[in-house]
Structure formats: C-alpha cells, structure tokens
Amino acid sequence: MLLKVAEWVLIMIVSMAAVSGIWMLLPINHADTGALLLMQAMQALGLFIVPAMVVWYLWDSGFRIQDSVFSIQKSEVRRQRLDWRLVLLSVGMMVTAIPLINCLVAWNESIRLPESMAGIEALMQQMEQQAEQVLERFMTYKDGVWWVLMVNLVVLAVLPGIGEEMAFRGVLQNTIVESRKSKVESQEPRAGWVHVAVWVTAAVFSFVHFQFYGFIPRLLMGALLGYVFAWSGRLGYSMIMHVTNNALSVIVFYMGTYVWHLPQAEIDAIGTGQTWWLTAVCTPVMVALIWLFNAKLKSMNKSYLKIDDC
C-alpha cells in the first residue's frame, strides 16, 4: 500500500511540475485574476485528475479509465448508469448539511491553542485569511458578471469536486481497502477496514486543504463522501455531492454579494445564532436522506459496504 501511495504522490509531483512549467511559459500577465483562475483549473487537472487517471492505468487494479469515474465494482455493475433517485438523495444530503457545516465551522474557529503555540496559531490564522482573500478575489472578478459566475462554477466547483474525489476516494481510499483485500481469502473487504480507509482518507483530505479552522467540518464531510463511495462503490455519487457543496458556496456568495447585498459574515452564519433552528431542522433530514440512500442501495443489491455492516 505504501509503495502505491508513494508512486501516486510522485506522479502528482511530476504532473504539477509539468503544469507549473507550462504556466510559466504562457504569454500572459501571471498576476491577473483571470490568469490565476486558469492556474486554479490547471492545478485541479495536474494535481488530481491526471495523476489519478495515470495510476488507474498503471495499476490496472479493477479500474478502467473509461468507466472508473463511475464504479470500482464488477464490470457488469460499472456499465450501469447512476440511479437518478440516488443522485437526488446525494444532492439533498449536501444541501441539508449546510447549516450543520456552518455550525461546525463556527465551533472549529472558536478553538484556541495554548499560549505556547501562539506562533503556530498566528500562522494558521494567516493562512486562513490568505485563502479567504484569494477566494474573494476570484468571486468578485469583473464585478461578478454572469460569465464569471459560470467560470467560477467550473474552476472552483466542478473541477475540484471531480478531481478531489478521483484522488482521495478513487485512489487513496480504494488503495487502503485493496491493501486489506489482498491479505484475506475473501475478495470483499471487512467492514472494519473500510471504516479505517474512510476516516484515514477523510483526515488526509481535510489536512491537505491547509485551512485548519475548517478541519473538523471538512473531516466529517470527507467521511460522508467516503461512506457514500464505500456503500455504492461508485465515485459518481460522491462527485455529485462534492460538486454540489462547492457550487452552493459559489452561488450563495454571488447571490449574497450582488443580489441580496449581504455581508459575507451573515451568509456564513446561516444555521448559527438566530438561525440555529435551520440546523435543528435540516440535520435530522440529512440523517434520514443518508439512511434512505443506503437503504435504496441495499434494495438494489449494489451496496459495496452493506448497511448491516455499519
């Protein structure tokens, strides 16, 4: 397993080096916001999408490039399309999770490190502020004209959502699961090991964003995406959820800034403070949708990790 992960990381480094070289050779103003958006798109391709496709091809461990986006299961399952009811449940899970995520972000931001770690805390706060400034720069580019919104949806929502799922769930989580499958007689991974794979991948997923005041909510979101992938054996559903989450952030920022004229702090506070009731209402609905998703998979006999194992 470690050798495969090291090989994947090496491929990512080589791919990003190639992308950086191409970027530097482009005859553009590299400080322009439009150019930075292009770099963001190239980064999603070079860091996540291309390396994932390369390792799937090299390892040939049950994956095929033409259908690996949709399934890790047997070939007859791969060729089946995503079920529209499960797609709707996937979208619903992410929409109803937003108030809870905002609550967790507010709680995570309230955590303070000991005085002896004041320097580390200051560095973390600086990194958080820089990330927010870059995001705001992308969102407000050209004063929010409609085509910039479309570009942001592609660059900040679609490409990262697809790429990160290919990398973290499709490569890392599946590699951890496969490492256990090779050591037992049964071809199916034991449920306990799948749980380990889900949570380890979620922790890595949250850590590499380097936004530590959002570590816990991103960890839990990564775990949910991991379980959806483990239950269904199909990356398509977790991709849809990830893209939905990213897209909602872009759209809500755009609407709040240019339509509702609300400060970003009020938008980020949805589900907290006076709107706490949204979290109280939406969280049980989200849990019910998660149960329905797994129950539907069970009834279709397509669950990779059966609901009874959880």
C-alpha atoms as a PDB file:
ATOM      1  CA  MET A   1       0.000   0.000   0.000  1.00  0.00           C
ATOM      2  CA  LEU A   2       2.709   2.482   0.993  1.00  0.00           C
ATOM      3  CA  LEU A   3       4.580   1.878  -2.256  1.00  0.00           C
ATOM      4  CA  LYS A   4       1.432   2.559  -4.277  1.00  0.00           C
ATOM      5  CA  VAL A   5       0.728   5.744  -2.330  1.00  0.00           C
ATOM      6  CA  ALA A   6       4.346   6.857  -2.821  1.00  0.00           C
ATOM      7  CA  GLU A   7       4.052   6.156  -6.549  1.00  0.00           C
ATOM      8  CA  TRP A   8       0.847   8.196  -6.711  1.00  0.00           C
ATOM      9  CA  VAL A   9       2.454  11.119  -4.849  1.00  0.00           C
ATOM     10  CA  LEU A  10       5.470  11.006  -7.165  1.00  0.00           C
ATOM     11  CA  ILE A  11       3.195  11.107 -10.212  1.00  0.00           C
ATOM     12  CA  MET A  12       1.385  14.118  -8.705  1.00  0.00           C
ATOM     13  CA  ILE A  13       4.689  15.921  -8.161  1.00  0.00           C
ATOM     14  CA  VAL A  14       5.818  15.265 -11.743  1.00  0.00           C
ATOM     15  CA  SER A  15       2.422  16.292 -13.095  1.00  0.00           C
ATOM     16  CA  MET A  16       2.366  19.529 -11.092  1.00  0.00           C
ATOM     17  CA  ALA A  17       5.925  20.319 -12.168  1.00  0.00           C
ATOM     18  CA  ALA A  18       4.819  19.958 -15.791  1.00  0.00           C
ATOM     19  CA  VAL A  19       1.773  22.141 -15.176  1.00  0.00           C
ATOM     20  CA  SER A  20       3.916  24.806 -13.472  1.00  0.00           C
ATOM     21  CA  GLY A  21       6.330  24.785 -16.406  1.00  0.00           C
ATOM     22  CA  ILE A  22       3.503  25.245 -18.909  1.00  0.00           C
ATOM     23  CA  TRP A  23       2.050  28.002 -16.723  1.00  0.00           C
ATOM     24  CA  MET A  24       5.296  29.948 -16.626  1.00  0.00           C
ATOM     25  CA  LEU A  25       5.678  29.700 -20.421  1.00  0.00           C
ATOM     26  CA  LEU A  26       2.232  31.150 -21.143  1.00  0.00           C
ATOM     27  CA  PRO A  27       2.452  34.694 -22.561  1.00  0.00           C
ATOM     28  CA  ILE A  28       0.050  36.216 -20.020  1.00  0.00           C
ATOM     29  CA  ASN A  29       0.107  38.506 -17.003  1.00  0.00           C
ATOM     30  CA  HIS A  30       0.511  35.892 -14.275  1.00  0.00           C
ATOM     31  CA  ALA A  31      -0.706  38.302 -11.573  1.00  0.00           C
ATOM     32  CA  ASP A  32      -4.049  38.904 -13.303  1.00  0.00           C
ATOM     33  CA  THR A  33      -7.073  37.343 -11.603  1.00  0.00           C
ATOM     34  CA  GLY A  34      -8.165  35.690 -14.832  1.00  0.00           C
ATOM     35  CA  ALA A  35      -4.721  34.116 -15.157  1.00  0.00           C
ATOM     36  CA  LEU A  36      -4.925  32.875 -11.566  1.00  0.00           C
ATOM     37  CA  LEU A  37      -8.275  31.280 -12.336  1.00  0.00           C
ATOM     38  CA  LEU A  38      -6.639  29.493 -15.245  1.00  0.00           C
ATOM     39  CA  MET A  39      -3.889  28.328 -12.891  1.00  0.00           C
ATOM     40  CA  GLN A  40      -6.531  27.037 -10.477  1.00  0.00           C
ATOM     41  CA  ALA A  41      -8.069  24.962 -13.257  1.00  0.00           C
ATOM     42  CA  MET A  42      -4.671  23.667 -14.372  1.00  0.00           C
ATOM     43  CA  GLN A  43      -3.877  22.759 -10.775  1.00  0.00           C
ATOM     44  CA  ALA A  44      -7.034  20.659 -10.464  1.00  0.00           C
ATOM     45  CA  LEU A  45      -6.081  18.826 -13.647  1.00  0.00           C
ATOM     46  CA  GLY A  46      -2.387  18.458 -12.828  1.00  0.00           C
ATOM     47  CA  LEU A  47      -2.649  17.644  -9.143  1.00  0.00           C
ATOM     48  CA  PHE A  48      -5.726  15.439  -9.030  1.00  0.00           C
ATOM     49  CA  ILE A  49      -7.344  14.375 -12.301  1.00  0.00           C
ATOM     50  CA  VAL A  50      -4.371  13.449 -14.491  1.00  0.00           C
ATOM     51  CA  PRO A  51      -2.394  11.610 -11.755  1.00  0.00           C
ATOM     52  CA  ALA A  52      -5.490   9.612 -10.788  1.00  0.00           C
ATOM     53  CA  MET A  53      -6.056   8.525 -14.375  1.00  0.00           C
ATOM     54  CA  VAL A  54      -2.366   7.632 -14.762  1.00  0.00           C
ATOM     55  CA  VAL A  55      -2.250   5.427 -11.653  1.00  0.00           C
ATOM     56  CA  TRP A  56      -5.521   3.728 -12.561  1.00  0.00           C
ATOM     57  CA  TYR A  57      -3.977   2.853 -15.902  1.00  0.00           C
ATOM     58  CA  LEU A  58      -0.652   1.743 -14.431  1.00  0.00           C
ATOM     59  CA  TRP A  59      -2.067  -0.278 -11.559  1.00  0.00           C
ATOM     60  CA  ASP A  60      -4.927  -1.786 -13.548  1.00  0.00           C
ATOM     61  CA  SER A  61      -6.444  -2.934 -10.254  1.00  0.00           C
ATOM     62  CA  GLY A  62     -10.052  -3.311 -11.298  1.00  0.00           C
ATOM     63  CA  PHE A  63     -10.209   0.173 -12.792  1.00  0.00           C
ATOM     64  CA  ARG A  64     -10.591   1.197 -16.400  1.00  0.00           C
ATOM     65  CA  ILE A  65     -10.135   4.819 -17.460  1.00  0.00           C
ATOM     66  CA  GLN A  66     -13.342   4.909 -19.480  1.00  0.00           C
ATOM     67  CA  ASP A  67     -15.555   3.889 -16.571  1.00  0.00           C
ATOM     68  CA  SER A  68     -13.515   4.321 -13.397  1.00  0.00           C
ATOM     69  CA  VAL A  69     -15.362   7.559 -12.670  1.00  0.00           C
ATOM     70  CA  PHE A  70     -18.481   5.559 -12.056  1.00  0.00           C
ATOM     71  CA  SER A  71     -17.585   2.356 -10.258  1.00  0.00           C
ATOM     72  CA  ILE A  72     -14.960   0.156  -8.665  1.00  0.00           C
ATOM     73  CA  GLN A  73     -17.133  -2.935  -8.739  1.00  0.00           C
ATOM     74  CA  LYS A  74     -17.533  -5.727 -11.267  1.00  0.00           C
ATOM     75  CA  SER A  75     -17.699  -4.824 -14.949  1.00  0.00           C
ATOM     76  CA  GLU A  76     -21.439  -5.501 -15.248  1.00  0.00           C
ATOM     77  CA  VAL A  77     -22.098  -3.007 -12.438  1.00  0.00           C
ATOM     78  CA  ARG A  78     -19.747  -0.421 -13.940  1.00  0.00           C
ATOM     79  CA  ARG A  79     -21.686  -0.255 -17.171  1.00  0.00           C
ATOM     80  CA  GLN A  80     -24.912   0.668 -15.383  1.00  0.00           C
ATOM     81  CA  ARG A  81     -25.809   4.333 -15.183  1.00  0.00           C
ATOM     82  CA  LEU A  82     -26.136   6.293 -11.975  1.00  0.00           C
ATOM     83  CA  ASP A  83     -29.609   5.924 -10.481  1.00  0.00           C
ATOM     84  CA  TRP A  84     -31.449   9.266 -10.656  1.00  0.00           C
ATOM     85  CA  ARG A  85     -33.103   8.674  -7.269  1.00  0.00           C
ATOM     86  CA  LEU A  86     -29.723   8.203  -5.634  1.00  0.00           C
ATOM     87  CA  VAL A  87     -28.461  11.308  -7.427  1.00  0.00           C
ATOM     88  CA  LEU A  88     -31.326  13.351  -5.918  1.00  0.00           C
ATOM     89  CA  LEU A  89     -30.617  11.900  -2.480  1.00  0.00           C
ATOM     90  CA  SER A  90     -26.926  12.793  -2.899  1.00  0.00           C
ATOM     91  CA  VAL A  91     -27.766  16.405  -3.715  1.00  0.00           C
ATOM     92  CA  GLY A  92     -30.283  16.545  -0.866  1.00  0.00           C
ATOM     93  CA  MET A  93     -27.701  15.296   1.632  1.00  0.00           C
ATOM     94  CA  MET A  94     -25.317  18.126   0.801  1.00  0.00           C
ATOM     95  CA  VAL A  95     -27.977  20.847   0.731  1.00  0.00           C
ATOM     96  CA  THR A  96     -29.366  19.869   4.137  1.00  0.00           C
ATOM     97  CA  ALA A  97     -25.836  19.553   5.564  1.00  0.00           C
ATOM     98  CA  ILE A  98     -25.016  23.249   5.017  1.00  0.00           C
ATOM     99  CA  PRO A  99     -26.424  24.639   8.322  1.00  0.00           C
ATOM    100  CA  LEU A 100     -24.668  21.899  10.308  1.00  0.00           C
ATOM    101  CA  ILE A 101     -21.411  22.542   8.448  1.00  0.00           C
ATOM    102  CA  ASN A 102     -21.669  26.260   9.279  1.00  0.00           C
ATOM    103  CA  CYS A 103     -22.222  25.408  12.958  1.00  0.00           C
ATOM    104  CA  LEU A 104     -19.183  23.144  12.967  1.00  0.00           C
ATOM    105  CA  VAL A 105     -17.088  25.809  11.220  1.00  0.00           C
ATOM    106  CA  ALA A 106     -18.096  28.390  13.856  1.00  0.00           C
ATOM    107  CA  TRP A 107     -17.218  25.940  16.630  1.00  0.00           C
ATOM    108  CA  ASN A 108     -13.923  24.975  14.979  1.00  0.00           C
ATOM    109  CA  GLU A 109     -12.969  28.647  14.619  1.00  0.00           C
ATOM    110  CA  SER A 110     -13.599  29.186  18.349  1.00  0.00           C
ATOM    111  CA  ILE A 111     -10.905  26.665  19.311  1.00  0.00           C
ATOM    112  CA  ARG A 112      -7.786  28.348  20.641  1.00  0.00           C
ATOM    113  CA  LEU A 113      -4.371  26.778  21.061  1.00  0.00           C
ATOM    114  CA  PRO A 114      -2.285  27.118  24.267  1.00  0.00           C
ATOM    115  CA  GLU A 115      -0.124  30.229  24.626  1.00  0.00           C
ATOM    116  CA  SER A 116       2.966  28.115  23.995  1.00  0.00           C
ATOM    117  CA  MET A 117       1.640  27.514  20.451  1.00  0.00           C
ATOM    118  CA  ALA A 118       0.779  31.153  19.755  1.00  0.00           C
ATOM    119  CA  GLY A 119       3.177  31.280  16.793  1.00  0.00           C
ATOM    120  CA  ILE A 120       1.558  28.255  15.165  1.00  0.00           C
ATOM    121  CA  GLU A 121      -1.915  29.710  15.749  1.00  0.00           C
ATOM    122  CA  ALA A 122      -0.879  33.028  14.170  1.00  0.00           C
ATOM    123  CA  LEU A 123       0.459  31.161  11.127  1.00  0.00           C
ATOM    124  CA  MET A 124      -2.780  29.185  10.821  1.00  0.00           C
ATOM    125  CA  GLN A 125      -4.837  32.387  11.016  1.00  0.00           C
ATOM    126  CA  GLN A 126      -2.651  33.998   8.360  1.00  0.00           C
ATOM    127  CA  MET A 127      -3.099  31.011   6.021  1.00  0.00           C
ATOM    128  CA  GLU A 128      -6.862  31.125   6.594  1.00  0.00           C
ATOM    129  CA  GLN A 129      -7.015  34.839   5.783  1.00  0.00           C
ATOM    130  CA  GLN A 130      -4.943  34.370   2.628  1.00  0.00           C
ATOM    131  CA  ALA A 131      -7.231  31.588   1.433  1.00  0.00           C
ATOM    132  CA  GLU A 132     -10.284  33.776   2.044  1.00  0.00           C
ATOM    133  CA  GLN A 133      -8.703  36.704   0.179  1.00  0.00           C
ATOM    134  CA  VAL A 134      -7.877  34.562  -2.856  1.00  0.00           C
ATOM    135  CA  LEU A 135     -11.405  33.138  -2.913  1.00  0.00           C
ATOM    136  CA  GLU A 136     -12.958  36.601  -2.628  1.00  0.00           C
ATOM    137  CA  ARG A 137     -10.703  37.832  -5.442  1.00  0.00           C
ATOM    138  CA  PHE A 138     -11.974  35.043  -7.709  1.00  0.00           C
ATOM    139  CA  MET A 139     -15.606  35.621  -6.746  1.00  0.00           C
ATOM    140  CA  THR A 140     -15.538  39.391  -7.297  1.00  0.00           C
ATOM    141  CA  TYR A 141     -13.582  39.273 -10.566  1.00  0.00           C
ATOM    142  CA  LYS A 142     -15.107  41.646 -13.175  1.00  0.00           C
ATOM    143  CA  ASP A 143     -17.641  42.741 -10.526  1.00  0.00           C
ATOM    144  CA  GLY A 144     -19.490  39.453 -10.698  1.00  0.00           C
ATOM    145  CA  VAL A 145     -20.703  39.444 -14.302  1.00  0.00           C
ATOM    146  CA  TRP A 146     -22.695  36.304 -15.140  1.00  0.00           C
ATOM    147  CA  TRP A 147     -19.998  34.644 -17.225  1.00  0.00           C
ATOM    148  CA  VAL A 148     -17.524  34.964 -14.352  1.00  0.00           C
ATOM    149  CA  LEU A 149     -20.032  33.091 -12.193  1.00  0.00           C
ATOM    150  CA  MET A 150     -20.056  30.311 -14.798  1.00  0.00           C
ATOM    151  CA  VAL A 151     -16.251  30.250 -14.891  1.00  0.00           C
ATOM    152  CA  ASN A 152     -16.081  30.113 -11.099  1.00  0.00           C
ATOM    153  CA  LEU A 153     -18.554  27.243 -11.032  1.00  0.00           C
ATOM    154  CA  VAL A 154     -16.330  25.269 -13.375  1.00  0.00           C
ATOM    155  CA  VAL A 155     -12.997  26.215 -11.787  1.00  0.00           C
ATOM    156  CA  LEU A 156     -13.976  26.302  -8.104  1.00  0.00           C
ATOM    157  CA  ALA A 157     -16.779  23.728  -8.022  1.00  0.00           C
ATOM    158  CA  VAL A 158     -16.766  21.209 -10.863  1.00  0.00           C
ATOM    159  CA  LEU A 159     -13.043  20.579 -11.430  1.00  0.00           C
ATOM    160  CA  PRO A 160     -12.055  20.383  -7.736  1.00  0.00           C
ATOM    161  CA  GLY A 161     -15.118  18.304  -6.902  1.00  0.00           C
ATOM    162  CA  ILE A 162     -14.367  15.747  -9.598  1.00  0.00           C
ATOM    163  CA  GLY A 163     -10.599  15.830  -9.175  1.00  0.00           C
ATOM    164  CA  GLU A 164     -10.505  15.530  -5.397  1.00  0.00           C
ATOM    165  CA  GLU A 165     -12.924  12.605  -5.455  1.00  0.00           C
ATOM    166  CA  MET A 166     -10.816  10.852  -8.078  1.00  0.00           C
ATOM    167  CA  ALA A 167      -7.714  11.416  -5.949  1.00  0.00           C
ATOM    168  CA  PHE A 168      -8.869  10.863  -2.389  1.00  0.00           C
ATOM    169  CA  ARG A 169     -11.749   8.421  -2.662  1.00  0.00           C
ATOM    170  CA  GLY A 170     -10.840   6.869  -6.015  1.00  0.00           C
ATOM    171  CA  VAL A 171      -7.112   6.426  -5.381  1.00  0.00           C
ATOM    172  CA  LEU A 172      -6.250   6.777  -1.681  1.00  0.00           C
ATOM    173  CA  GLN A 173      -9.333   5.253  -0.047  1.00  0.00           C
ATOM    174  CA  ASN A 174      -9.543   2.471  -2.588  1.00  0.00           C
ATOM    175  CA  THR A 175      -5.805   1.712  -2.225  1.00  0.00           C
ATOM    176  CA  ILE A 176      -6.223   1.292   1.538  1.00  0.00           C
ATOM    177  CA  VAL A 177      -9.193  -1.030   1.010  1.00  0.00           C
ATOM    178  CA  GLU A 178      -7.406  -3.019  -1.699  1.00  0.00           C
ATOM    179  CA  SER A 179      -4.352  -3.485   0.539  1.00  0.00           C
ATOM    180  CA  ARG A 180      -6.528  -5.375   3.005  1.00  0.00           C
ATOM    181  CA  LYS A 181      -8.370  -7.379   0.362  1.00  0.00           C
ATOM    182  CA  SER A 182      -5.104  -8.869  -0.835  1.00  0.00           C
ATOM    183  CA  LYS A 183      -4.395 -10.296   2.619  1.00  0.00           C
ATOM    184  CA  VAL A 184      -7.646 -12.157   3.241  1.00  0.00           C
ATOM    185  CA  GLU A 185      -9.248 -15.038   1.441  1.00  0.00           C
ATOM    186  CA  SER A 186     -12.488 -13.219   0.681  1.00  0.00           C
ATOM    187  CA  GLN A 187     -12.449 -10.676  -2.107  1.00  0.00           C
ATOM    188  CA  GLU A 188     -14.722  -8.363  -0.140  1.00  0.00           C
ATOM    189  CA  PRO A 189     -13.053  -6.049   2.405  1.00  0.00           C
ATOM    190  CA  ARG A 190     -14.087  -6.389   6.026  1.00  0.00           C
ATOM    191  CA  ALA A 191     -16.341  -3.576   7.195  1.00  0.00           C
ATOM    192  CA  GLY A 192     -13.920  -2.523   9.949  1.00  0.00           C
ATOM    193  CA  TRP A 193     -11.110  -1.999   7.453  1.00  0.00           C
ATOM    194  CA  VAL A 194     -13.381   0.018   5.168  1.00  0.00           C
ATOM    195  CA  HIS A 195     -14.162   2.295   8.130  1.00  0.00           C
ATOM    196  CA  VAL A 196     -10.419   2.771   8.650  1.00  0.00           C
ATOM    197  CA  ALA A 197      -9.980   3.612   4.957  1.00  0.00           C
ATOM    198  CA  VAL A 198     -12.844   6.128   5.038  1.00  0.00           C
ATOM    199  CA  TRP A 199     -11.586   8.012   8.105  1.00  0.00           C
ATOM    200  CA  VAL A 200      -7.889   7.989   7.189  1.00  0.00           C
ATOM    201  CA  THR A 201      -8.752   9.340   3.744  1.00  0.00           C
ATOM    202  CA  ALA A 202     -11.077  11.953   5.247  1.00  0.00           C
ATOM    203  CA  ALA A 203      -8.312  13.123   7.604  1.00  0.00           C
ATOM    204  CA  VAL A 204      -5.794  13.433   4.762  1.00  0.00           C
ATOM    205  CA  PHE A 205      -8.425  15.164   2.605  1.00  0.00           C
ATOM    206  CA  SER A 206      -9.096  17.745   5.315  1.00  0.00           C
ATOM    207  CA  PHE A 207      -5.436  18.262   6.217  1.00  0.00           C
ATOM    208  CA  VAL A 208      -4.169  18.962   2.685  1.00  0.00           C
ATOM    209  CA  HIS A 209      -6.550  21.911   2.319  1.00  0.00           C
ATOM    210  CA  PHE A 210      -4.361  23.690   4.922  1.00  0.00           C
ATOM    211  CA  GLN A 211      -7.358  25.534   6.344  1.00  0.00           C
ATOM    212  CA  PHE A 212      -7.151  24.330   9.908  1.00  0.00           C
ATOM    213  CA  TYR A 213     -10.079  26.346  11.240  1.00  0.00           C
ATOM    214  CA  GLY A 214     -12.269  24.263   8.964  1.00  0.00           C
ATOM    215  CA  PHE A 215     -10.515  20.952   9.646  1.00  0.00           C
ATOM    216  CA  ILE A 216     -13.278  19.247  11.640  1.00  0.00           C
ATOM    217  CA  PRO A 217     -16.246  20.059   9.351  1.00  0.00           C
ATOM    218  CA  ARG A 218     -14.156  19.135   6.301  1.00  0.00           C
ATOM    219  CA  LEU A 219     -13.121  15.897   8.023  1.00  0.00           C
ATOM    220  CA  LEU A 220     -16.768  14.963   8.612  1.00  0.00           C
ATOM    221  CA  MET A 221     -17.760  15.924   5.075  1.00  0.00           C
ATOM    222  CA  GLY A 222     -14.887  13.813   3.747  1.00  0.00           C
ATOM    223  CA  ALA A 223     -16.096  10.884   5.844  1.00  0.00           C
ATOM    224  CA  LEU A 224     -19.619  11.223   4.451  1.00  0.00           C
ATOM    225  CA  LEU A 225     -18.254  11.268   0.898  1.00  0.00           C
ATOM    226  CA  GLY A 226     -16.123   8.257   1.740  1.00  0.00           C
ATOM    227  CA  TYR A 227     -19.051   6.263   3.065  1.00  0.00           C
ATOM    228  CA  VAL A 228     -21.188   7.125   0.056  1.00  0.00           C
ATOM    229  CA  PHE A 229     -18.378   5.798  -2.139  1.00  0.00           C
ATOM    230  CA  ALA A 230     -17.924   2.712   0.045  1.00  0.00           C
ATOM    231  CA  TRP A 231     -21.648   1.932   0.137  1.00  0.00           C
ATOM    232  CA  SER A 232     -22.198   2.388  -3.584  1.00  0.00           C
ATOM    233  CA  GLY A 233     -18.753   1.533  -4.972  1.00  0.00           C
ATOM    234  CA  ARG A 234     -19.279   4.422  -7.395  1.00  0.00           C
ATOM    235  CA  LEU A 235     -17.413   7.703  -7.463  1.00  0.00           C
ATOM    236  CA  GLY A 236     -20.215   9.370  -9.396  1.00  0.00           C
ATOM    237  CA  TYR A 237     -22.354   9.924  -6.296  1.00  0.00           C
ATOM    238  CA  SER A 238     -19.576  11.353  -4.133  1.00  0.00           C
ATOM    239  CA  MET A 239     -18.520  13.561  -7.054  1.00  0.00           C
ATOM    240  CA  ILE A 240     -22.047  14.929  -7.354  1.00  0.00           C
ATOM    241  CA  MET A 241     -22.128  15.656  -3.624  1.00  0.00           C
ATOM    242  CA  HIS A 242     -18.719  17.332  -3.678  1.00  0.00           C
ATOM    243  CA  VAL A 243     -19.552  19.471  -6.711  1.00  0.00           C
ATOM    244  CA  THR A 244     -22.898  20.393  -5.119  1.00  0.00           C
ATOM    245  CA  ASN A 245     -21.186  21.570  -1.940  1.00  0.00           C
ATOM    246  CA  ASN A 246     -18.662  23.663  -3.869  1.00  0.00           C
ATOM    247  CA  ALA A 247     -21.276  25.060  -6.244  1.00  0.00           C
ATOM    248  CA  LEU A 248     -23.562  26.109  -3.408  1.00  0.00           C
ATOM    249  CA  SER A 249     -20.700  28.071  -1.841  1.00  0.00           C
ATOM    250  CA  VAL A 250     -20.030  29.875  -5.126  1.00  0.00           C
ATOM    251  CA  ILE A 251     -23.701  30.598  -5.858  1.00  0.00           C
ATOM    252  CA  VAL A 252     -24.534  31.740  -2.316  1.00  0.00           C
ATOM    253  CA  PHE A 253     -21.513  34.075  -2.302  1.00  0.00           C
ATOM    254  CA  TYR A 254     -22.562  35.511  -5.659  1.00  0.00           C
ATOM    255  CA  MET A 255     -26.217  35.945  -4.635  1.00  0.00           C
ATOM    256  CA  GLY A 256     -25.318  37.387  -1.254  1.00  0.00           C
ATOM    257  CA  THR A 257     -22.878  39.916  -2.721  1.00  0.00           C
ATOM    258  CA  TYR A 258     -24.632  41.017  -5.901  1.00  0.00           C
ATOM    259  CA  VAL A 259     -28.325  40.224  -5.358  1.00  0.00           C
ATOM    260  CA  TRP A 260     -29.112  40.178  -1.652  1.00  0.00           C
ATOM    261  CA  HIS A 261     -26.314  42.652  -0.765  1.00  0.00           C
ATOM    262  CA  LEU A 262     -25.494  40.850   2.458  1.00  0.00           C
ATOM    263  CA  PRO A 263     -22.102  40.813   4.170  1.00  0.00           C
ATOM    264  CA  GLN A 264     -20.273  37.505   3.822  1.00  0.00           C
ATOM    265  CA  ALA A 265     -20.278  37.061   7.594  1.00  0.00           C
ATOM    266  CA  GLU A 266     -24.092  36.852   7.631  1.00  0.00           C
ATOM    267  CA  ILE A 267     -24.096  34.287   4.833  1.00  0.00           C
ATOM    268  CA  ASP A 268     -21.526  32.133   6.620  1.00  0.00           C
ATOM    269  CA  ALA A 269     -23.626  32.328   9.795  1.00  0.00           C
ATOM    270  CA  ILE A 270     -26.645  30.526   8.287  1.00  0.00           C
ATOM    271  CA  GLY A 271     -27.568  27.821  10.772  1.00  0.00           C
ATOM    272  CA  THR A 272     -25.930  29.584  13.730  1.00  0.00           C
ATOM    273  CA  GLY A 273     -27.081  32.317  16.104  1.00  0.00           C
ATOM    274  CA  GLN A 274     -30.645  33.388  15.359  1.00  0.00           C
ATOM    275  CA  THR A 275     -30.914  30.854  12.538  1.00  0.00           C
ATOM    276  CA  TRP A 276     -29.960  27.891  14.777  1.00  0.00           C
ATOM    277  CA  TRP A 277     -33.355  26.375  14.012  1.00  0.00           C
ATOM    278  CA  LEU A 278     -32.207  25.663  10.442  1.00  0.00           C
ATOM    279  CA  THR A 279     -29.571  23.300  11.829  1.00  0.00           C
ATOM    280  CA  ALA A 280     -32.149  21.699  14.120  1.00  0.00           C
ATOM    281  CA  VAL A 281     -34.499  21.115  11.170  1.00  0.00           C
ATOM    282  CA  CYS A 282     -32.020  20.203   8.440  1.00  0.00           C
ATOM    283  CA  THR A 283     -29.770  17.827  10.396  1.00  0.00           C
ATOM    284  CA  PRO A 284     -32.450  15.147  11.010  1.00  0.00           C
ATOM    285  CA  VAL A 285     -33.493  15.481   7.362  1.00  0.00           C
ATOM    286  CA  MET A 286     -29.875  14.931   6.304  1.00  0.00           C
ATOM    287  CA  VAL A 287     -29.617  11.831   8.506  1.00  0.00           C
ATOM    288  CA  ALA A 288     -32.857  10.500   7.020  1.00  0.00           C
ATOM    289  CA  LEU A 289     -31.555  11.065   3.484  1.00  0.00           C
ATOM    290  CA  ILE A 290     -28.320   9.216   4.328  1.00  0.00           C
ATOM    291  CA  TRP A 291     -30.354   6.271   5.633  1.00  0.00           C
ATOM    292  CA  LEU A 292     -32.591   6.326   2.547  1.00  0.00           C
ATOM    293  CA  PHE A 293     -29.539   6.370   0.288  1.00  0.00           C
ATOM    294  CA  ASN A 294     -28.076   3.289   1.929  1.00  0.00           C
ATOM    295  CA  ALA A 295     -31.445   1.550   2.161  1.00  0.00           C
ATOM    296  CA  LYS A 296     -32.036   2.154  -1.550  1.00  0.00           C
ATOM    297  CA  LEU A 297     -28.631   0.695  -2.370  1.00  0.00           C
ATOM    298  CA  LYS A 298     -29.411  -2.332  -0.227  1.00  0.00           C
ATOM    299  CA  SER A 299     -32.703  -2.877  -2.030  1.00  0.00           C
ATOM    300  CA  MET A 300     -30.861  -2.632  -5.349  1.00  0.00           C
ATOM    301  CA  ASN A 301     -28.252  -5.115  -4.046  1.00  0.00           C
ATOM    302  CA  LYS A 302     -25.441  -2.776  -5.095  1.00  0.00           C
ATOM    303  CA  SER A 303     -24.022  -1.771  -1.721  1.00  0.00           C
ATOM    304  CA  TYR A 304     -20.267  -2.254  -1.529  1.00  0.00           C
ATOM    305  CA  LEU A 305     -20.388  -1.933   2.289  1.00  0.00           C
ATOM    306  CA  LYS A 306     -23.831  -3.186   3.350  1.00  0.00           C
ATOM    307  CA  ILE A 307     -25.898  -1.127   5.769  1.00  0.00           C
ATOM    308  CA  ASP A 308     -25.874  -4.063   8.207  1.00  0.00           C
ATOM    309  CA  ASP A 309     -22.079  -3.721   8.463  1.00  0.00           C
ATOM    310  CA  CYS A 310     -22.336  -0.161   9.707  1.00  0.00           C
END
